[in-house]
Structures are given as structure tokens and as C-alpha cells.
């Protein structure tokens, strides 16, 4: 079971998410995770994006196109 949580706004594209993960050098960024939780503007979770799917997708793809609606 994954305890670490990585979150991203649902309006981001894949490139924005990858750039944020690469440039995050603060101690709060987890080094091992498998899903990114997408949040709506009211900070409610709308679904997960699998790390493998995120890394395989083109930079211009919306994260909402990759959502797994399973929690």
C-alpha cells in the first residue's frame, strides 16, 4: 500500500506535472510514489494517474485524459 501522496491540479498537462516532479527539491517531495492524485479547484480528488502512464504520455496530453477513477 502506498502511503506517500503526490498531488496535481486537474488542469495541468503531462509536461507540467513532470517538470514539477523534476524540479521539486524540497524535503516534502517524495522519492518513491506510484500514482499522482488529481485535484479539482476545490481540492477534492477526482482520480489517480499511474506513474507509468504519466511517463509514457506526450507532454501536451491533459492529465484528465489519463485518469483512473478508482480510489
Protein backbone atom coordinates (compact mmCIF):
# COMPACT_ATOMS: atom_id res chain seq x y z
CA UNK A 1 0.00 0.00 0.00
CA UNK A 2 1.30 3.44 -0.93
CA UNK A 3 1.44 5.96 1.90
CA UNK A 4 3.14 8.80 0.05
CA UNK A 5 0.84 11.17 -1.82
CA UNK A 6 1.75 13.30 -4.82
CA UNK A 7 -0.97 15.70 -5.98
CA UNK A 8 -1.51 17.85 -9.07
CA UNK A 9 -4.28 20.15 -10.31
CA UNK A 10 -6.56 18.51 -12.86
CA UNK A 11 -5.98 21.30 -15.41
CA UNK A 12 -2.26 20.51 -15.81
CA UNK A 13 -0.76 18.77 -18.80
CA UNK A 14 1.75 15.91 -18.53
CA UNK A 15 4.69 18.24 -19.18
CA UNK A 16 3.78 20.48 -16.26
CA UNK A 17 3.49 17.52 -13.90
CA UNK A 18 6.82 16.04 -15.00
CA UNK A 19 8.56 19.43 -14.74
CA UNK A 20 7.22 19.91 -11.21
CA UNK A 21 8.38 16.47 -10.16
CA UNK A 22 11.85 17.04 -11.63
CA UNK A 23 12.38 20.47 -10.09
CA UNK A 24 10.95 19.72 -6.66
CA UNK A 25 13.97 19.85 -4.40
CA UNK A 26 12.20 20.42 -1.14
CA UNK A 27 12.07 17.81 1.59
CA UNK A 28 8.31 17.39 1.15
CA UNK A 29 8.60 15.76 -2.29
CA UNK A 30 8.50 12.00 -2.01
CA UNK A 31 11.13 9.98 -3.79
CA UNK A 32 9.02 6.86 -4.22
CA UNK A 33 5.42 7.01 -5.44
CA UNK A 34 3.25 5.22 -7.96
CA UNK A 35 0.24 7.48 -8.50
CA UNK A 36 -0.48 11.18 -8.75
CA UNK A 37 -3.82 12.26 -7.29
CA UNK A 38 -5.61 14.87 -9.39
CA UNK A 39 -7.46 17.59 -7.52
CA UNK A 40 -10.29 19.82 -8.71
CA UNK A 41 -10.31 23.59 -7.91
CA UNK A 42 -11.98 22.86 -4.55
CA UNK A 43 -9.11 20.46 -3.69
CA UNK A 44 -11.30 17.38 -3.98
CA UNK A 45 -9.69 14.28 -5.54
CA UNK A 46 -11.04 13.39 -8.98
CA UNK A 47 -8.87 10.36 -9.73
CA UNK A 48 -5.39 8.89 -9.98
CA UNK A 49 -2.81 8.99 -12.74
CA UNK A 50 -0.48 5.99 -12.78
CA UNK A 51 3.21 6.94 -12.83
CA UNK A 52 3.93 4.64 -15.77
CA UNK A 53 1.11 6.18 -17.80
CA UNK A 54 2.34 9.67 -16.94
CA UNK A 55 5.88 8.89 -18.12
CA UNK A 56 4.72 7.21 -21.36
CA UNK A 57 2.45 10.08 -22.42
CA UNK A 58 3.31 13.07 -24.61
CA UNK A 59 3.94 16.34 -22.80
CA UNK A 60 0.85 18.03 -24.29
CA UNK A 61 -1.67 15.45 -23.02
CA UNK A 62 -4.08 16.67 -20.33
CA UNK A 63 -3.79 14.76 -17.05
CA UNK A 64 -7.56 14.31 -17.07
CA UNK A 65 -7.17 12.09 -20.15
CA UNK A 66 -5.06 9.66 -18.09
CA UNK A 67 -7.28 9.42 -15.01
CA UNK A 68 -8.06 6.12 -13.34
CA UNK A 69 -11.27 6.78 -11.45
CA UNK A 70 -10.51 4.05 -8.95
CA UNK A 71 -9.76 5.04 -5.36
